[in-house]
Amino acid sequence: MTTTDSIFKEASTLSPSEKAQLIDRLISSLDKSDKEIDELWAKEVEDRIDAYDQGKIKTISIEEVLHKYR
């Protein structure tokens, strides 16, 4: 039996509430911040703001976006 199988077998005995808590903790453990990716996104945001301020890009309203996908 693999470690994963063993953990699953033990987790299967938990109450629904305990299973939900375990699932939440497992999912949260996957959502770790990556400093390099965070820095790249921050640069992208700044670049987009600069492009908007310089008139290189424009915004569109939420109504236009929703209309496109209706």
N, C-alpha and C. Protein backbone atom coordinates (compact mmCIF):
# COMPACT_ATOMS: atom_id res chain seq x y z
N MET A 1 0.86 -1.18 0.00
CA MET A 1 0.00 0.00 0.00
C MET A 1 0.90 1.24 0.00
N THR A 2 0.62 2.18 -0.89
CA THR A 2 1.41 3.40 -0.97
C THR A 2 1.05 4.34 0.18
N THR A 3 1.88 5.32 0.41
CA THR A 3 1.61 6.31 1.44
C THR A 3 0.29 7.02 1.16
N THR A 4 0.06 7.36 -0.11
CA THR A 4 -1.18 8.05 -0.48
C THR A 4 -2.39 7.18 -0.16
N ASP A 5 -2.30 5.90 -0.49
CA ASP A 5 -3.41 4.98 -0.20
C ASP A 5 -3.66 4.88 1.30
N SER A 6 -2.59 4.81 2.06
CA SER A 6 -2.69 4.71 3.51
C SER A 6 -3.34 5.96 4.10
N ILE A 7 -2.92 7.13 3.62
CA ILE A 7 -3.50 8.38 4.10
C ILE A 7 -4.97 8.46 3.73
N PHE A 8 -5.30 8.06 2.48
CA PHE A 8 -6.69 8.08 2.04
C PHE A 8 -7.55 7.16 2.91
N LYS A 9 -7.04 5.98 3.18
CA LYS A 9 -7.79 5.02 4.00
C LYS A 9 -8.08 5.61 5.38
N GLU A 10 -7.08 6.26 5.98
CA GLU A 10 -7.28 6.86 7.29
C GLU A 10 -8.23 8.06 7.19
N ALA A 11 -8.08 8.88 6.17
CA ALA A 11 -8.93 10.06 6.00
C ALA A 11 -10.37 9.67 5.76
N SER A 12 -10.59 8.51 5.15
CA SER A 12 -11.95 8.04 4.87
C SER A 12 -12.76 7.80 6.14
N THR A 13 -12.08 7.63 7.25
CA THR A 13 -12.78 7.38 8.52
C THR A 13 -13.20 8.67 9.21
N LEU A 14 -12.77 9.81 8.70
CA LEU A 14 -13.11 11.09 9.31
C LEU A 14 -14.57 11.45 9.09
N SER A 15 -15.08 12.31 9.95
CA SER A 15 -16.44 12.82 9.77
C SER A 15 -16.44 13.76 8.57
N PRO A 16 -17.61 14.02 7.99
CA PRO A 16 -17.67 14.96 6.87
C PRO A 16 -17.03 16.31 7.20
N SER A 17 -17.25 16.82 8.39
CA SER A 17 -16.67 18.09 8.79
C SER A 17 -15.14 18.01 8.84
N GLU A 18 -14.63 16.94 9.38
CA GLU A 18 -13.18 16.76 9.46
C GLU A 18 -12.58 16.60 8.06
N LYS A 19 -13.29 15.91 7.18
CA LYS A 19 -12.82 15.76 5.79
C LYS A 19 -12.75 17.12 5.11
N ALA A 20 -13.77 17.94 5.32
CA ALA A 20 -13.79 19.27 4.72
C ALA A 20 -12.63 20.11 5.23
N GLN A 21 -12.36 20.02 6.52
CA GLN A 21 -11.23 20.76 7.10
C GLN A 21 -9.91 20.28 6.51
N LEU A 22 -9.76 18.97 6.35
CA LEU A 22 -8.54 18.41 5.77
C LEU A 22 -8.38 18.85 4.33
N ILE A 23 -9.46 18.80 3.57
CA ILE A 23 -9.41 19.23 2.17
C ILE A 23 -9.00 20.70 2.09
N ASP A 24 -9.59 21.52 2.94
CA ASP A 24 -9.26 22.95 2.95
C ASP A 24 -7.78 23.16 3.25
N ARG A 25 -7.26 22.44 4.21
CA ARG A 25 -5.84 22.58 4.56
C ARG A 25 -4.93 22.10 3.44
N LEU A 26 -5.31 21.00 2.79
CA LEU A 26 -4.50 20.49 1.69
C LEU A 26 -4.48 21.47 0.52
N ILE A 27 -5.65 21.99 0.17
CA ILE A 27 -5.72 22.95 -0.94
C ILE A 27 -4.94 24.21 -0.59
N SER A 28 -5.07 24.68 0.64
CA SER A 28 -4.32 25.88 1.05
C SER A 28 -2.82 25.65 0.98
N SER A 29 -2.39 24.43 1.24
CA SER A 29 -0.96 24.15 1.20
C SER A 29 -0.41 24.21 -0.23
N LEU A 30 -1.28 24.09 -1.22
CA LEU A 30 -0.86 24.18 -2.62
C LEU A 30 -0.72 25.62 -3.08
N ASP A 31 -1.37 26.52 -2.38
CA ASP A 31 -1.44 27.91 -2.80
C ASP A 31 -0.33 28.74 -2.15
N LYS A 32 0.90 28.35 -2.39
CA LYS A 32 2.05 29.06 -1.84
C LYS A 32 2.46 30.17 -2.79
N SER A 33 2.83 31.29 -2.21
CA SER A 33 3.28 32.42 -3.00
C SER A 33 4.66 32.12 -3.58
N ASP A 34 4.86 32.53 -4.82
CA ASP A 34 6.15 32.38 -5.48
C ASP A 34 6.69 33.79 -5.72
N LYS A 35 7.76 34.13 -5.03
CA LYS A 35 8.30 35.49 -5.07
C LYS A 35 8.60 35.93 -6.50
N GLU A 36 9.18 35.06 -7.31
CA GLU A 36 9.53 35.42 -8.68
C GLU A 36 8.28 35.72 -9.50
N ILE A 37 7.26 34.88 -9.38
CA ILE A 37 6.01 35.10 -10.12
C ILE A 37 5.32 36.37 -9.63
N ASP A 38 5.31 36.57 -8.31
CA ASP A 38 4.71 37.80 -7.75
C ASP A 38 5.39 39.04 -8.30
N GLU A 39 6.73 39.00 -8.40
CA GLU A 39 7.46 40.15 -8.93
C GLU A 39 7.15 40.37 -10.41
N LEU A 40 7.03 39.29 -11.17
CA LEU A 40 6.68 39.42 -12.59
C LEU A 40 5.29 40.02 -12.76
N TRP A 41 4.33 39.58 -11.95
CA TRP A 41 2.98 40.14 -12.03
C TRP A 41 2.97 41.61 -11.64
N ALA A 42 3.74 41.95 -10.60
CA ALA A 42 3.80 43.36 -10.18
C ALA A 42 4.36 44.23 -11.30
N LYS A 43 5.38 43.74 -12.00
CA LYS A 43 5.95 44.48 -13.13
C LYS A 43 4.92 44.60 -14.25
N GLU A 44 4.20 43.53 -14.53
CA GLU A 44 3.17 43.56 -15.57
C GLU A 44 2.10 44.60 -15.24
N VAL A 45 1.68 44.63 -13.99
CA VAL A 45 0.67 45.61 -13.57
C VAL A 45 1.19 47.03 -13.78
N GLU A 46 2.42 47.28 -13.34
CA GLU A 46 3.00 48.61 -13.51
C GLU A 46 3.12 48.98 -14.98
N ASP A 47 3.54 48.01 -15.81
CA ASP A 47 3.65 48.27 -17.25
C ASP A 47 2.29 48.60 -17.86
N ARG A 48 1.25 47.91 -17.43
CA ARG A 48 -0.09 48.18 -17.96
C ARG A 48 -0.60 49.56 -17.51
N ILE A 49 -0.33 49.90 -16.25
CA ILE A 49 -0.74 51.23 -15.76
C ILE A 49 -0.02 52.31 -16.55
N ASP A 50 1.29 52.13 -16.76
CA ASP A 50 2.06 53.11 -17.53
C ASP A 50 1.52 53.23 -18.96
N ALA A 51 1.21 52.10 -19.58
CA ALA A 51 0.68 52.11 -20.95
C ALA A 51 -0.66 52.84 -20.99
N TYR A 52 -1.50 52.62 -19.98
CA TYR A 52 -2.79 53.32 -19.91
C TYR A 52 -2.57 54.82 -19.75
N ASP A 53 -1.68 55.17 -18.81
CA ASP A 53 -1.41 56.60 -18.56
C ASP A 53 -0.86 57.31 -19.79
N GLN A 54 -0.12 56.57 -20.63
CA GLN A 54 0.47 57.15 -21.84
C GLN A 54 -0.48 57.07 -23.04
N GLY A 55 -1.68 56.53 -22.81
CA GLY A 55 -2.66 56.45 -23.89
C GLY A 55 -2.40 55.32 -24.88
N LYS A 56 -1.55 54.40 -24.53
CA LYS A 56 -1.23 53.29 -25.44
C LYS A 56 -2.28 52.18 -25.41
N ILE A 57 -3.02 52.11 -24.32
CA ILE A 57 -4.11 51.14 -24.21
C ILE A 57 -5.32 51.86 -23.63
N LYS A 58 -6.50 51.30 -23.86
CA LYS A 58 -7.71 51.90 -23.32
C LYS A 58 -8.45 50.86 -22.49
N THR A 59 -9.38 51.33 -21.72
CA THR A 59 -10.21 50.43 -20.93
C THR A 59 -11.53 50.22 -21.64
N ILE A 60 -12.23 49.18 -21.23
CA ILE A 60 -13.59 48.96 -21.72
C ILE A 60 -14.47 48.71 -20.50
N SER A 61 -15.72 49.03 -20.62
CA SER A 61 -16.64 48.89 -19.49
C SER A 61 -17.00 47.42 -19.26
N ILE A 62 -17.44 47.15 -18.07
CA ILE A 62 -17.88 45.79 -17.74
C ILE A 62 -19.06 45.39 -18.62
N GLU A 63 -19.89 46.36 -18.97
CA GLU A 63 -21.03 46.08 -19.83
C GLU A 63 -20.57 45.55 -21.19
N GLU A 64 -19.50 46.16 -21.73
CA GLU A 64 -18.96 45.71 -23.02
C GLU A 64 -18.42 44.29 -22.91
N VAL A 65 -17.75 44.01 -21.82
CA VAL A 65 -17.18 42.67 -21.62
C VAL A 65 -18.30 41.64 -21.53
N LEU A 66 -19.30 41.93 -20.70
CA LEU A 66 -20.41 40.98 -20.55
C LEU A 66 -21.20 40.80 -21.83
N HIS A 67 -21.39 41.88 -22.57
CA HIS A 67 -22.12 41.81 -23.84
C HIS A 67 -21.40 40.85 -24.82
N LYS A 68 -20.08 40.90 -24.80
CA LYS A 68 -19.29 40.04 -25.69
C LYS A 68 -19.53 38.56 -25.42
N TYR A 69 -19.80 38.21 -24.18
CA TYR A 69 -19.92 36.79 -23.81
C TYR A 69 -21.34 36.33 -23.59
N ARG A 70 -22.31 37.17 -23.94
CA ARG A 70 -23.72 36.75 -23.80
C ARG A 70 -24.19 36.02 -25.02
